[in-house]
Amino acid sequence: MASNKNALIRYKTIDQCLRNTMRTWTLDNLIEACSDALYEYEGKDVYVSKRTIQLDIQHMRSDKLGYNAPIEVYQRKYYRYSEDDYSIKNIPVTDADVKVMNEAIEMLRQFKDFSLFKEMDGVLQRLEDSVYSSNKSNRAIIHLDKNEQLKGLEFIDPIYNAIQQKKVIKITYQSFKARDANIMVLHPQLLKEYNNRWFLLATHKNNYITLALDRVSNIAIEENIELNDLQIDGDIFYKDVVGATVTNSRPQRIQFWIEKRHAPYVITKPLHKSQRLIKRVEDGVIFNIFVKTNFELERLLLGYGDSIEILKPEKLRNQILHKLKNTINRYSNSENNEGD
């Protein structure tokens, strides 16, 4: 659960406590109440420190969150609202708030095809019922790329839940190369999205394995096996790759030339976060990236067609050259066949 969601649960819990004037509330009482609330939502003990609740009260008192909560201390140890009818739930919504919320609702609705967000539909409907908007019929002005024909999205939820609940899964999977489906017992670690396609990073027989969700046909929980949770940080694990495939090779410096007219696009949208501009030449710009070579990188480089040239390393340059020669041969054969 994200830390900002934990904070919202604590604010709501503190508000409920202070509205209950039938008892007194010390800092320890508020800590206990927030801990119980987080346990109810999270399903496990969440440590709440004295400093955390003190900061929460400070934030609720301030205008930072728009609450300006009239929280006071009396008898040097008890907390209460100085206004009997006050609640953070009663904060008025401004016209600017309404506009922002409606824009957020329209953007979130574009995720409706992802099963991970399927339960959001009811939430968004309740938001729309609660938020008055004279612009409700306006068209959406943010358009997100999505593939309505993409398979495997229904498996995002069970995999997400398995990872969160630390469960081992058994999946039925058939790669594009396999003639028959294969059943595997996996220890799921991360869900990865790349290029509008979803992947599962898992361990299988103590080895890393990356599987495309659109090749999965069934998932079941294995209750009798304990999950080997490797606590993988996705930012670190995928740091040196383009895409979802992490090879055992070492990252290497890849140098490439981009045609002058396409260079601004590569500058504003780097091929990888490690990208560096090395030199501007008369007909283009030379860049470096520091990554592991994989299938996704090759496809990305080939996508630039005749506007790119791989300069280093020699092995990757030759691989790209080989694929381009095959492409030329294929087009040449097609032209010859048409002539016949």
C-alpha atoms as a PDB file:
ATOM      1  CA  MET A   1       0.000   0.000   0.000  1.00  0.00           C
ATOM      2  CA  ALA A   2       1.400   3.391  -0.963  1.00  0.00           C
ATOM      3  CA  SER A   3       2.493   5.736   1.812  1.00  0.00           C
ATOM      4  CA  ASN A   4       0.100   8.488   0.673  1.00  0.00           C
ATOM      5  CA  LYS A   5      -2.819   6.059   0.983  1.00  0.00           C
ATOM      6  CA  ASN A   6      -1.658   5.156   4.486  1.00  0.00           C
ATOM      7  CA  ALA A   7      -1.641   8.863   5.322  1.00  0.00           C
ATOM      8  CA  LEU A   8      -5.227   9.285   4.092  1.00  0.00           C
ATOM      9  CA  ILE A   9      -6.324   6.360   6.257  1.00  0.00           C
ATOM     10  CA  ARG A  10      -4.631   7.950   9.269  1.00  0.00           C
ATOM     11  CA  TYR A  11      -6.249  11.359   8.615  1.00  0.00           C
ATOM     12  CA  LYS A  12      -9.660   9.727   8.332  1.00  0.00           C
ATOM     13  CA  THR A  13      -9.073   7.723  11.533  1.00  0.00           C
ATOM     14  CA  ILE A  14      -7.891  10.761  13.511  1.00  0.00           C
ATOM     15  CA  ASP A  15     -10.948  12.662  12.277  1.00  0.00           C
ATOM     16  CA  GLN A  16     -13.286   9.869  13.406  1.00  0.00           C
ATOM     17  CA  CYS A  17     -11.615   9.779  16.820  1.00  0.00           C
ATOM     18  CA  LEU A  18     -11.772  13.518  17.438  1.00  0.00           C
ATOM     19  CA  ARG A  19     -15.415  13.636  16.374  1.00  0.00           C
ATOM     20  CA  ASN A  20     -16.195  11.076  19.066  1.00  0.00           C
ATOM     21  CA  THR A  21     -16.559  13.346  22.107  1.00  0.00           C
ATOM     22  CA  MET A  22     -17.766  10.510  24.318  1.00  0.00           C
ATOM     23  CA  ARG A  23     -14.173   9.763  25.279  1.00  0.00           C
ATOM     24  CA  THR A  24     -10.824  11.490  25.586  1.00  0.00           C
ATOM     25  CA  TRP A  25      -7.992  11.023  23.099  1.00  0.00           C
ATOM     26  CA  THR A  26      -4.315  10.994  23.958  1.00  0.00           C
ATOM     27  CA  LEU A  27      -1.537  10.692  21.403  1.00  0.00           C
ATOM     28  CA  ASP A  28      -1.130   7.019  22.343  1.00  0.00           C
ATOM     29  CA  ASN A  29      -4.876   6.477  21.792  1.00  0.00           C
ATOM     30  CA  LEU A  30      -4.623   7.989  18.294  1.00  0.00           C
ATOM     31  CA  ILE A  31      -1.568   5.857  17.487  1.00  0.00           C
ATOM     32  CA  GLU A  32      -3.451   2.714  18.525  1.00  0.00           C
ATOM     33  CA  ALA A  33      -6.543   3.677  16.503  1.00  0.00           C
ATOM     34  CA  CYS A  34      -4.481   4.399  13.363  1.00  0.00           C
ATOM     35  CA  SER A  35      -2.548   1.140  13.764  1.00  0.00           C
ATOM     36  CA  ASP A  36      -5.824  -0.808  14.025  1.00  0.00           C
ATOM     37  CA  ALA A  37      -7.235   0.955  10.948  1.00  0.00           C
ATOM     38  CA  LEU A  38      -4.128   0.232   8.876  1.00  0.00           C
ATOM     39  CA  TYR A  39      -4.183  -3.404   9.985  1.00  0.00           C
ATOM     40  CA  GLU A  40      -7.807  -3.646   8.827  1.00  0.00           C
ATOM     41  CA  TYR A  41      -6.946  -2.259   5.362  1.00  0.00           C
ATOM     42  CA  GLU A  42      -3.482  -3.806   4.953  1.00  0.00           C
ATOM     43  CA  GLY A  43      -4.030  -7.186   6.620  1.00  0.00           C
ATOM     44  CA  LYS A  44      -0.753  -6.921   8.534  1.00  0.00           C
ATOM     45  CA  ASP A  45       0.805  -4.853  11.290  1.00  0.00           C
ATOM     46  CA  VAL A  46       1.964  -1.424  10.122  1.00  0.00           C
ATOM     47  CA  TYR A  47       4.259   0.506  12.461  1.00  0.00           C
ATOM     48  CA  VAL A  48       2.897   3.961  13.309  1.00  0.00           C
ATOM     49  CA  SER A  49       5.304   6.153  15.248  1.00  0.00           C
ATOM     50  CA  LYS A  50       4.557   8.996  17.637  1.00  0.00           C
ATOM     51  CA  ARG A  51       6.294  11.369  15.244  1.00  0.00           C
ATOM     52  CA  THR A  52       4.066  10.215  12.360  1.00  0.00           C
ATOM     53  CA  ILE A  53       0.830  11.076  14.207  1.00  0.00           C
ATOM     54  CA  GLN A  54       2.259  14.394  15.358  1.00  0.00           C
ATOM     55  CA  LEU A  55       3.061  15.286  11.745  1.00  0.00           C
ATOM     56  CA  ASP A  56      -0.412  14.128  10.658  1.00  0.00           C
ATOM     57  CA  ILE A  57      -2.019  16.455  13.193  1.00  0.00           C
ATOM     58  CA  GLN A  58       0.260  19.275  12.025  1.00  0.00           C
ATOM     59  CA  HIS A  59      -0.750  18.686   8.396  1.00  0.00           C
ATOM     60  CA  MET A  60      -4.443  18.525   9.296  1.00  0.00           C
ATOM     61  CA  ARG A  61      -4.155  21.824  11.166  1.00  0.00           C
ATOM     62  CA  SER A  62      -2.461  23.562   8.240  1.00  0.00           C
ATOM     63  CA  ASP A  63      -3.822  24.776   4.930  1.00  0.00           C
ATOM     64  CA  LYS A  64      -1.538  22.343   3.072  1.00  0.00           C
ATOM     65  CA  LEU A  65      -4.353  19.829   2.636  1.00  0.00           C
ATOM     66  CA  GLY A  66      -7.111  22.416   2.784  1.00  0.00           C
ATOM     67  CA  TYR A  67      -8.370  21.067   6.141  1.00  0.00           C
ATOM     68  CA  ASN A  68      -7.391  23.852   8.570  1.00  0.00           C
ATOM     69  CA  ALA A  69      -8.597  21.445  11.239  1.00  0.00           C
ATOM     70  CA  PRO A  70      -9.241  23.166  14.629  1.00  0.00           C
ATOM     71  CA  ILE A  71      -7.347  20.533  16.622  1.00  0.00           C
ATOM     72  CA  GLU A  72      -6.440  21.660  20.125  1.00  0.00           C
ATOM     73  CA  VAL A  73      -4.681  20.125  23.120  1.00  0.00           C
ATOM     74  CA  TYR A  74      -6.282  20.460  26.524  1.00  0.00           C
ATOM     75  CA  GLN A  75      -4.991  19.458  29.931  1.00  0.00           C
ATOM     76  CA  ARG A  76      -1.642  19.136  28.135  1.00  0.00           C
ATOM     77  CA  LYS A  77      -2.331  15.622  26.862  1.00  0.00           C
ATOM     78  CA  TYR A  78      -5.800  15.271  25.285  1.00  0.00           C
ATOM     79  CA  TYR A  79      -6.728  16.131  21.685  1.00  0.00           C
ATOM     80  CA  ARG A  80     -10.084  17.368  20.412  1.00  0.00           C
ATOM     81  CA  TYR A  81     -11.773  19.610  17.855  1.00  0.00           C
ATOM     82  CA  SER A  82     -12.492  23.085  19.216  1.00  0.00           C
ATOM     83  CA  GLU A  83     -15.532  23.245  16.896  1.00  0.00           C
ATOM     84  CA  ASP A  84     -18.202  20.679  17.703  1.00  0.00           C
ATOM     85  CA  ASP A  85     -19.452  20.122  14.142  1.00  0.00           C
ATOM     86  CA  TYR A  86     -16.074  20.065  12.427  1.00  0.00           C
ATOM     87  CA  SER A  87     -14.966  17.142  10.217  1.00  0.00           C
ATOM     88  CA  ILE A  88     -12.488  16.894   7.366  1.00  0.00           C
ATOM     89  CA  LYS A  89     -15.377  15.363   5.396  1.00  0.00           C
ATOM     90  CA  ASN A  90     -17.170  18.723   5.517  1.00  0.00           C
ATOM     91  CA  ILE A  91     -14.487  20.652   3.649  1.00  0.00           C
ATOM     92  CA  PRO A  92     -16.209  22.592   0.825  1.00  0.00           C
ATOM     93  CA  VAL A  93     -15.207  21.810  -2.764  1.00  0.00           C
ATOM     94  CA  THR A  94     -14.259  24.815  -4.879  1.00  0.00           C
ATOM     95  CA  ASP A  95     -14.963  25.274  -8.589  1.00  0.00           C
ATOM     96  CA  ALA A  96     -11.274  24.690  -9.263  1.00  0.00           C
ATOM     97  CA  ASP A  97     -11.437  21.419  -7.296  1.00  0.00           C
ATOM     98  CA  VAL A  98     -14.449  20.318  -9.352  1.00  0.00           C
ATOM     99  CA  LYS A  99     -12.637  21.047 -12.604  1.00  0.00           C
ATOM    100  CA  VAL A 100      -9.532  19.125 -11.542  1.00  0.00           C
ATOM    101  CA  MET A 101     -11.578  16.145 -10.306  1.00  0.00           C
ATOM    102  CA  ASN A 102     -13.570  15.908 -13.518  1.00  0.00           C
ATOM    103  CA  GLU A 103     -10.397  16.007 -15.606  1.00  0.00           C
ATOM    104  CA  ALA A 104      -8.953  13.242 -13.422  1.00  0.00           C
ATOM    105  CA  ILE A 105     -12.128  11.173 -13.798  1.00  0.00           C
ATOM    106  CA  GLU A 106     -12.013  11.456 -17.596  1.00  0.00           C
ATOM    107  CA  MET A 107      -8.370  10.378 -17.664  1.00  0.00           C
ATOM    108  CA  LEU A 108      -8.934   7.437 -15.291  1.00  0.00           C
ATOM    109  CA  ARG A 109     -11.849   6.228 -17.404  1.00  0.00           C
ATOM    110  CA  GLN A 110      -9.425   5.548 -20.239  1.00  0.00           C
ATOM    111  CA  PHE A 111      -7.946   2.734 -18.131  1.00  0.00           C
ATOM    112  CA  LYS A 112     -11.280   0.912 -18.057  1.00  0.00           C
ATOM    113  CA  ASP A 113     -10.033  -1.912 -20.294  1.00  0.00           C
ATOM    114  CA  PHE A 114      -7.296  -2.889 -17.828  1.00  0.00           C
ATOM    115  CA  SER A 115      -8.612  -5.456 -15.372  1.00  0.00           C
ATOM    116  CA  LEU A 116      -6.348  -3.994 -12.688  1.00  0.00           C
ATOM    117  CA  PHE A 117      -8.668  -0.980 -12.695  1.00  0.00           C
ATOM    118  CA  LYS A 118     -11.977  -2.832 -13.060  1.00  0.00           C
ATOM    119  CA  GLU A 119     -13.077  -2.023  -9.504  1.00  0.00           C
ATOM    120  CA  MET A 120     -12.398   1.648 -10.183  1.00  0.00           C
ATOM    121  CA  ASP A 121     -15.509   1.910 -12.329  1.00  0.00           C
ATOM    122  CA  GLY A 122     -17.797   2.011  -9.306  1.00  0.00           C
ATOM    123  CA  VAL A 123     -15.501   4.469  -7.578  1.00  0.00           C
ATOM    124  CA  LEU A 124     -15.507   6.748 -10.603  1.00  0.00           C
ATOM    125  CA  GLN A 125     -19.286   6.538 -10.831  1.00  0.00           C
ATOM    126  CA  ARG A 126     -19.583   7.593  -7.192  1.00  0.00           C
ATOM    127  CA  LEU A 127     -17.160  10.427  -7.847  1.00  0.00           C
ATOM    128  CA  GLU A 128     -19.281  11.602 -10.754  1.00  0.00           C
ATOM    129  CA  ASP A 129     -22.394  11.400  -8.607  1.00  0.00           C
ATOM    130  CA  SER A 130     -20.681  13.496  -5.943  1.00  0.00           C
ATOM    131  CA  VAL A 131     -18.983  16.045  -8.160  1.00  0.00           C
ATOM    132  CA  TYR A 132     -21.164  18.546  -9.977  1.00  0.00           C
ATOM    133  CA  SER A 133     -19.824  19.489 -13.380  1.00  0.00           C
ATOM    134  CA  SER A 134     -21.377  21.619 -16.041  1.00  0.00           C
ATOM    135  CA  ASN A 135     -18.717  20.338 -18.426  1.00  0.00           C
ATOM    136  CA  LYS A 136     -19.564  16.665 -18.006  1.00  0.00           C
ATOM    137  CA  SER A 137     -20.612  16.229 -21.610  1.00  0.00           C
ATOM    138  CA  ASN A 138     -17.410  17.666 -22.991  1.00  0.00           C
ATOM    139  CA  ARG A 139     -15.096  15.410 -24.945  1.00  0.00           C
ATOM    140  CA  ALA A 140     -11.956  14.053 -23.295  1.00  0.00           C
ATOM    141  CA  ILE A 141      -8.889  16.106 -24.218  1.00  0.00           C
ATOM    142  CA  ILE A 142      -6.358  13.546 -22.926  1.00  0.00           C
ATOM    143  CA  HIS A 143      -6.084  10.424 -25.048  1.00  0.00           C
ATOM    144  CA  LEU A 144      -4.033   7.481 -23.810  1.00  0.00           C
ATOM    145  CA  ASP A 145      -2.783   4.756 -26.119  1.00  0.00           C
ATOM    146  CA  LYS A 146      -4.579   1.478 -25.460  1.00  0.00           C
ATOM    147  CA  ASN A 147      -5.144  -1.799 -27.293  1.00  0.00           C
ATOM    148  CA  GLU A 148      -8.664  -3.105 -26.798  1.00  0.00           C
ATOM    149  CA  GLN A 149      -7.765  -6.406 -28.488  1.00  0.00           C
ATOM    150  CA  LEU A 150      -4.868  -7.114 -26.125  1.00  0.00           C
ATOM    151  CA  LYS A 151      -5.147 -10.566 -24.543  1.00  0.00           C
ATOM    152  CA  GLY A 152      -4.163 -11.546 -21.023  1.00  0.00           C
ATOM    153  CA  LEU A 153      -5.337  -8.432 -19.193  1.00  0.00           C
ATOM    154  CA  GLU A 154      -7.698 -10.565 -17.092  1.00  0.00           C
ATOM    155  CA  PHE A 155      -4.635 -12.156 -15.465  1.00  0.00           C
ATOM    156  CA  ILE A 156      -3.225  -8.876 -14.124  1.00  0.00           C
ATOM    157  CA  ASP A 157      -5.527  -8.927 -11.082  1.00  0.00           C
ATOM    158  CA  PRO A 158      -4.814 -12.507  -9.908  1.00  0.00           C
ATOM    159  CA  ILE A 159      -1.074 -12.056 -10.465  1.00  0.00           C
ATOM    160  CA  TYR A 160      -1.076  -8.693  -8.694  1.00  0.00           C
ATOM    161  CA  ASN A 161      -2.949 -10.218  -5.758  1.00  0.00           C
ATOM    162  CA  ALA A 162      -0.610 -13.236  -5.671  1.00  0.00           C
ATOM    163  CA  ILE A 163       2.442 -10.973  -5.466  1.00  0.00           C
ATOM    164  CA  GLN A 164       0.836  -8.779  -2.834  1.00  0.00           C
ATOM    165  CA  GLN A 165      -0.316 -11.768  -0.748  1.00  0.00           C
ATOM    166  CA  LYS A 166       2.975 -13.644  -1.349  1.00  0.00           C
ATOM    167  CA  LYS A 167       1.429 -16.647  -3.098  1.00  0.00           C
ATOM    168  CA  VAL A 168       2.993 -19.127  -5.512  1.00  0.00           C
ATOM    169  CA  ILE A 169       1.065 -19.624  -8.766  1.00  0.00           C
ATOM    170  CA  LYS A 170       0.648 -22.396 -11.309  1.00  0.00           C
ATOM    171  CA  ILE A 171       0.148 -21.128 -14.840  1.00  0.00           C
ATOM    172  CA  THR A 172      -0.623 -22.629 -18.210  1.00  0.00           C
ATOM    173  CA  TYR A 173       1.605 -20.945 -20.772  1.00  0.00           C
ATOM    174  CA  GLN A 174       2.262 -21.422 -24.471  1.00  0.00           C
ATOM    175  CA  SER A 175       4.982 -19.386 -26.130  1.00  0.00           C
ATOM    176  CA  PHE A 176       4.782 -18.478 -29.810  1.00  0.00           C
ATOM    177  CA  LYS A 177       7.432 -21.115 -30.564  1.00  0.00           C
ATOM    178  CA  ALA A 178       5.866 -23.985 -28.566  1.00  0.00           C
ATOM    179  CA  ARG A 179       3.501 -26.471 -30.178  1.00  0.00           C
ATOM    180  CA  ASP A 180       1.776 -27.275 -26.870  1.00  0.00           C
ATOM    181  CA  ALA A 181       1.001 -25.383 -23.673  1.00  0.00           C
ATOM    182  CA  ASN A 182       3.270 -25.853 -20.677  1.00  0.00           C
ATOM    183  CA  ILE A 183       2.239 -25.882 -16.995  1.00  0.00           C
ATOM    184  CA  MET A 184       4.714 -24.178 -14.668  1.00  0.00           C
ATOM    185  CA  VAL A 185       4.868 -23.434 -10.949  1.00  0.00           C
ATOM    186  CA  LEU A 186       6.180 -19.889 -10.521  1.00  0.00           C
ATOM    187  CA  HIS A 187       7.196 -17.535  -7.753  1.00  0.00           C
ATOM    188  CA  PRO A 188       5.816 -14.198  -9.089  1.00  0.00           C
ATOM    189  CA  GLN A 189       7.951 -11.124  -8.396  1.00  0.00           C
ATOM    190  CA  LEU A 190       6.889  -8.185 -10.581  1.00  0.00           C
ATOM    191  CA  LEU A 191       4.401  -7.113 -13.236  1.00  0.00           C
ATOM    192  CA  LYS A 192       6.022  -5.181 -16.086  1.00  0.00           C
ATOM    193  CA  GLU A 193       4.370  -3.121 -18.828  1.00  0.00           C
ATOM    194  CA  TYR A 194       6.243  -2.271 -22.009  1.00  0.00           C
ATOM    195  CA  ASN A 195       4.923  -0.917 -25.285  1.00  0.00           C
ATOM    196  CA  ASN A 196       1.299  -1.496 -24.230  1.00  0.00           C
ATOM    197  CA  ARG A 197       1.998  -5.164 -23.434  1.00  0.00           C
ATOM    198  CA  TRP A 198       2.160  -6.815 -19.986  1.00  0.00           C
ATOM    199  CA  PHE A 199       4.771  -9.238 -18.688  1.00  0.00           C
ATOM    200  CA  LEU A 200       5.348 -11.261 -15.526  1.00  0.00           C
ATOM    201  CA  LEU A 201       8.786 -11.504 -13.971  1.00  0.00           C
ATOM    202  CA  ALA A 202       8.978 -14.660 -11.882  1.00  0.00           C
ATOM    203  CA  THR A 203      11.389 -17.318 -10.698  1.00  0.00           C
ATOM    204  CA  HIS A 204      11.074 -20.864 -12.016  1.00  0.00           C
ATOM    205  CA  LYS A 205      13.385 -23.549 -10.626  1.00  0.00           C
ATOM    206  CA  ASN A 206      15.513 -20.783  -9.086  1.00  0.00           C
ATOM    207  CA  ASN A 207      15.944 -19.007 -12.433  1.00  0.00           C
ATOM    208  CA  TYR A 208      14.433 -15.728 -13.604  1.00  0.00           C
ATOM    209  CA  ILE A 209      11.781 -16.041 -16.282  1.00  0.00           C
ATOM    210  CA  THR A 210       9.797 -13.374 -18.141  1.00  0.00           C
ATOM    211  CA  LEU A 211       6.412 -14.352 -19.547  1.00  0.00           C
ATOM    212  CA  ALA A 212       3.997 -12.369 -21.717  1.00  0.00           C
ATOM    213  CA  LEU A 213       0.503 -12.335 -20.227  1.00  0.00           C
ATOM    214  CA  ASP A 214      -1.074 -12.656 -23.669  1.00  0.00           C
ATOM    215  CA  ARG A 215       0.340 -16.207 -23.844  1.00  0.00           C
ATOM    216  CA  VAL A 216      -1.162 -17.277 -20.504  1.00  0.00           C
ATOM    217  CA  SER A 217      -4.387 -19.303 -20.575  1.00  0.00           C
ATOM    218  CA  ASN A 218      -4.888 -20.178 -16.901  1.00  0.00           C
ATOM    219  CA  ILE A 219      -3.656 -19.260 -13.416  1.00  0.00           C
ATOM    220  CA  ALA A 220      -4.179 -21.032 -10.079  1.00  0.00           C
ATOM    221  CA  ILE A 221      -2.814 -20.432  -6.587  1.00  0.00           C
ATOM    222  CA  GLU A 222      -0.502 -23.045  -5.051  1.00  0.00           C
ATOM    223  CA  GLU A 223      -1.385 -22.822  -1.359  1.00  0.00           C
ATOM    224  CA  ASN A 224       1.066 -25.453  -0.121  1.00  0.00           C
ATOM    225  CA  ILE A 225       4.247 -23.804  -1.396  1.00  0.00           C
ATOM    226  CA  GLU A 226       5.880 -20.839   0.326  1.00  0.00           C
ATOM    227  CA  LEU A 227       6.755 -17.941  -1.952  1.00  0.00           C
ATOM    228  CA  ASN A 228      10.423 -17.097  -2.407  1.00  0.00           C
ATOM    229  CA  ASP A 229      10.015 -13.318  -2.340  1.00  0.00           C
ATOM    230  CA  LEU A 230      13.199 -11.735  -3.699  1.00  0.00           C
ATOM    231  CA  GLN A 231      12.033  -8.177  -2.927  1.00  0.00           C
ATOM    232  CA  ILE A 232      13.005  -7.044  -6.430  1.00  0.00           C
ATOM    233  CA  ASP A 233      13.182  -3.311  -7.061  1.00  0.00           C
ATOM    234  CA  GLY A 234      11.921  -2.832 -10.611  1.00  0.00           C
ATOM    235  CA  ASP A 235      13.837   0.422 -11.096  1.00  0.00           C
ATOM    236  CA  ILE A 236      17.082  -1.404 -10.352  1.00  0.00           C
ATOM    237  CA  PHE A 237      16.265  -4.684 -12.110  1.00  0.00           C
ATOM    238  CA  TYR A 238      15.307  -2.993 -15.399  1.00  0.00           C
ATOM    239  CA  LYS A 239      17.865  -0.175 -15.121  1.00  0.00           C
ATOM    240  CA  ASP A 240      20.101  -1.382 -17.958  1.00  0.00           C
ATOM    241  CA  VAL A 241      17.555  -2.628 -20.483  1.00  0.00           C
ATOM    242  CA  VAL A 242      15.087  -1.390 -23.048  1.00  0.00           C
ATOM    243  CA  GLY A 243      11.853  -3.346 -22.698  1.00  0.00           C
ATOM    244  CA  ALA A 244      11.020  -6.295 -20.453  1.00  0.00           C
ATOM    245  CA  THR A 245      13.764  -8.814 -21.283  1.00  0.00           C
ATOM    246  CA  VAL A 246      16.765  -8.829 -18.936  1.00  0.00           C
ATOM    247  CA  THR A 247      19.579 -10.953 -20.337  1.00  0.00           C
ATOM    248  CA  ASN A 248      22.584 -12.341 -18.457  1.00  0.00           C
ATOM    249  CA  SER A 249      24.951 -10.219 -20.509  1.00  0.00           C
ATOM    250  CA  ARG A 250      26.700  -7.153 -19.166  1.00  0.00           C
ATOM    251  CA  PRO A 251      25.539  -3.676 -20.151  1.00  0.00           C
ATOM    252  CA  GLN A 252      27.692  -2.109 -22.853  1.00  0.00           C
ATOM    253  CA  ARG A 253      28.119   1.245 -24.485  1.00  0.00           C
ATOM    254  CA  ILE A 254      26.177   1.435 -27.742  1.00  0.00           C
ATOM    255  CA  GLN A 255      27.009   4.310 -30.045  1.00  0.00           C
ATOM    256  CA  PHE A 256      24.745   5.318 -32.901  1.00  0.00           C
ATOM    257  CA  TRP A 257      24.315   8.091 -35.438  1.00  0.00           C
ATOM    258  CA  ILE A 258      20.921   9.674 -36.068  1.00  0.00           C
ATOM    259  CA  GLU A 259      20.092  11.622 -39.193  1.00  0.00           C
ATOM    260  CA  LYS A 260      19.954  15.374 -38.582  1.00  0.00           C
ATOM    261  CA  ARG A 261      16.223  15.805 -39.212  1.00  0.00           C
ATOM    262  CA  HIS A 262      15.338  13.025 -36.741  1.00  0.00           C
ATOM    263  CA  ALA A 263      17.854  13.985 -34.055  1.00  0.00           C
ATOM    264  CA  PRO A 264      15.465  16.390 -32.227  1.00  0.00           C
ATOM    265  CA  TYR A 265      13.014  13.507 -31.656  1.00  0.00           C
ATOM    266  CA  VAL A 266      15.745  11.324 -30.145  1.00  0.00           C
ATOM    267  CA  ILE A 267      16.944  14.218 -27.996  1.00  0.00           C
ATOM    268  CA  THR A 268      13.478  14.917 -26.602  1.00  0.00           C
ATOM    269  CA  LYS A 269      12.538  11.219 -26.324  1.00  0.00           C
ATOM    270  CA  PRO A 270      15.725   9.298 -25.437  1.00  0.00           C
ATOM    271  CA  LEU A 271      16.004   5.633 -26.377  1.00  0.00           C
ATOM    272  CA  HIS A 272      17.093   4.962 -22.783  1.00  0.00           C
ATOM    273  CA  LYS A 273      17.627   7.071 -19.678  1.00  0.00           C
ATOM    274  CA  SER A 274      21.397   6.530 -20.008  1.00  0.00           C
ATOM    275  CA  GLN A 275      21.415   8.296 -23.385  1.00  0.00           C
ATOM    276  CA  ARG A 276      24.105  10.940 -23.856  1.00  0.00           C
ATOM    277  CA  LEU A 277      24.719  13.269 -26.805  1.00  0.00           C
ATOM    278  CA  ILE A 278      28.337  12.699 -27.863  1.00  0.00           C
ATOM    279  CA  LYS A 279      28.869  14.868 -30.912  1.00  0.00           C
ATOM    280  CA  ARG A 280      27.036  16.887 -33.524  1.00  0.00           C
ATOM    281  CA  VAL A 281      28.278  16.204 -37.036  1.00  0.00           C
ATOM    282  CA  GLU A 282      27.361  17.781 -40.340  1.00  0.00           C
ATOM    283  CA  ASP A 283      24.664  15.283 -41.278  1.00  0.00           C
ATOM    284  CA  GLY A 284      23.405  14.256 -37.841  1.00  0.00           C
ATOM    285  CA  VAL A 285      24.090  13.618 -34.170  1.00  0.00           C
ATOM    286  CA  ILE A 286      26.010  10.807 -32.439  1.00  0.00           C
ATOM    287  CA  PHE A 287      24.614   9.365 -29.199  1.00  0.00           C
ATOM    288  CA  ASN A 288      25.624   6.776 -26.601  1.00  0.00           C
ATOM    289  CA  ILE A 289      23.436   4.547 -24.460  1.00  0.00           C
ATOM    290  CA  PHE A 290      24.632   2.068 -21.837  1.00  0.00           C
ATOM    291  CA  VAL A 291      22.403  -1.027 -21.941  1.00  0.00           C
ATOM    292  CA  LYS A 292      22.220  -4.781 -22.323  1.00  0.00           C
ATOM    293  CA  THR A 293      21.367  -5.931 -25.838  1.00  0.00           C
ATOM    294  CA  ASN A 294      18.054  -7.743 -26.211  1.00  0.00           C
ATOM    295  CA  PHE A 295      15.234  -8.322 -28.687  1.00  0.00           C
ATOM    296  CA  GLU A 296      13.385  -5.120 -27.740  1.00  0.00           C
ATOM    297  CA  LEU A 297      16.478  -2.982 -28.291  1.00  0.00           C
ATOM    298  CA  GLU A 298      17.041  -4.443 -31.744  1.00  0.00           C
ATOM    299  CA  ARG A 299      13.427  -3.779 -32.701  1.00  0.00           C
ATOM    300  CA  LEU A 300      13.689  -0.220 -31.451  1.00  0.00           C
ATOM    301  CA  LEU A 301      16.842   0.444 -33.453  1.00  0.00           C
ATOM    302  CA  LEU A 302      15.431  -1.177 -36.592  1.00  0.00           C
ATOM    303  CA  GLY A 303      12.348   1.021 -36.237  1.00  0.00           C
ATOM    304  CA  TYR A 304      14.406   4.070 -37.237  1.00  0.00           C
ATOM    305  CA  GLY A 305      15.061   2.534 -40.661  1.00  0.00           C
ATOM    306  CA  ASP A 306      17.572   4.469 -42.763  1.00  0.00           C
ATOM    307  CA  SER A 307      17.725   7.325 -40.247  1.00  0.00           C
ATOM    308  CA  ILE A 308      20.072   5.468 -37.907  1.00  0.00           C
ATOM    309  CA  GLU A 309      23.471   3.784 -38.077  1.00  0.00           C
ATOM    310  CA  ILE A 310      24.922   1.648 -35.291  1.00  0.00           C
ATOM    311  CA  LEU A 311      28.577   2.580 -34.881  1.00  0.00           C
ATOM    312  CA  LYS A 312      29.586   0.441 -31.879  1.00  0.00           C
ATOM    313  CA  PRO A 313      29.838  -2.325 -30.785  1.00  0.00           C
ATOM    314  CA  GLU A 314      30.768  -4.247 -33.905  1.00  0.00           C
ATOM    315  CA  LYS A 315      28.721  -7.312 -32.935  1.00  0.00           C
ATOM    316  CA  LEU A 316      25.456  -5.370 -32.645  1.00  0.00           C
ATOM    317  CA  ARG A 317      26.260  -3.452 -35.829  1.00  0.00           C
ATOM    318  CA  ASN A 318      26.658  -6.747 -37.693  1.00  0.00           C
ATOM    319  CA  GLN A 319      23.438  -8.154 -36.218  1.00  0.00           C
ATOM    320  CA  ILE A 320      21.474  -5.122 -37.421  1.00  0.00           C
ATOM    321  CA  LEU A 321      23.227  -5.254 -40.795  1.00  0.00           C
ATOM    322  CA  HIS A 322      22.314  -8.948 -41.156  1.00  0.00           C
ATOM    323  CA  LYS A 323      18.646  -8.220 -40.477  1.00  0.00           C
ATOM    324  CA  LEU A 324      18.636  -5.327 -42.937  1.00  0.00           C
ATOM    325  CA  LYS A 325      20.167  -7.520 -45.636  1.00  0.00           C
ATOM    326  CA  ASN A 326      17.471 -10.120 -45.017  1.00  0.00           C
ATOM    327  CA  THR A 327      14.869  -7.375 -45.346  1.00  0.00           C
ATOM    328  CA  ILE A 328      16.339  -6.199 -48.657  1.00  0.00           C
ATOM    329  CA  ASN A 329      16.405  -9.766 -49.966  1.00  0.00           C
ATOM    330  CA  ARG A 330      12.799 -10.287 -48.963  1.00  0.00           C
ATOM    331  CA  TYR A 331      11.678  -7.135 -50.768  1.00  0.00           C
ATOM    332  CA  SER A 332      13.802  -8.024 -53.796  1.00  0.00           C
ATOM    333  CA  ASN A 333      12.294 -11.512 -53.994  1.00  0.00           C
ATOM    334  CA  SER A 334       8.810 -10.081 -53.687  1.00  0.00           C
ATOM    335  CA  GLU A 335       9.432  -7.727 -56.607  1.00  0.00           C
ATOM    336  CA  ASN A 336      10.801 -10.606 -58.700  1.00  0.00           C
ATOM    337  CA  ASN A 337       7.779 -12.774 -57.897  1.00  0.00           C
ATOM    338  CA  GLU A 338       5.402  -9.983 -58.896  1.00  0.00           C
ATOM    339  CA  GLY A 339       7.273  -9.621 -62.182  1.00  0.00           C
ATOM    340  CA  ASP A 340       6.705 -13.300 -62.913  1.00  0.00           C
END
